[in-house]
Amino acid sequence: MAQKVVQFGQRFGTRVVNSSQSFLSCPIAIARAAQPRLATAWSYAKVEMRPAMPSEWPAVKKGFSDMAQSAVTGRFLDYNVRQVTQKALVFVEVCCWFYVGEIIGRRSIIGYNV
């Protein structure tokens, strides 16, 4: 009986050591696998998340004037479903980031009709 308990303890200890070694090497493998994707995401984030440069303001102004002109002339009615969906999703994203910024600024979610 005592011999079986000792054998069980040895088997259990061996399994714990083997599983802990694989468990400890898992984050390293995940970090190595994620590194190229994170580098790509970082390169996109540096470009997309920066504020508009002063040299880009004329293009922004032209975009807003084109949007206003399209509302006046009814050109927005010529958009297909894909374009309308894309523009709607961008609008929703901007609204969500606005509210997240407001909540962070107030440091509270209280005061919003959520």
Foldseek 3Di string as FASTA:
>chain_A
DVVVVVVVVVVVVVVVVVVVVVVVCVVVVVCVVCVVVVVVVVVVCVPPVDDDDPVCVVVVVVVVVVVVVCVVVVVVVPDDPVVVVVVVVVVVVVVVVVLVVVCVVVVHPPPDPD
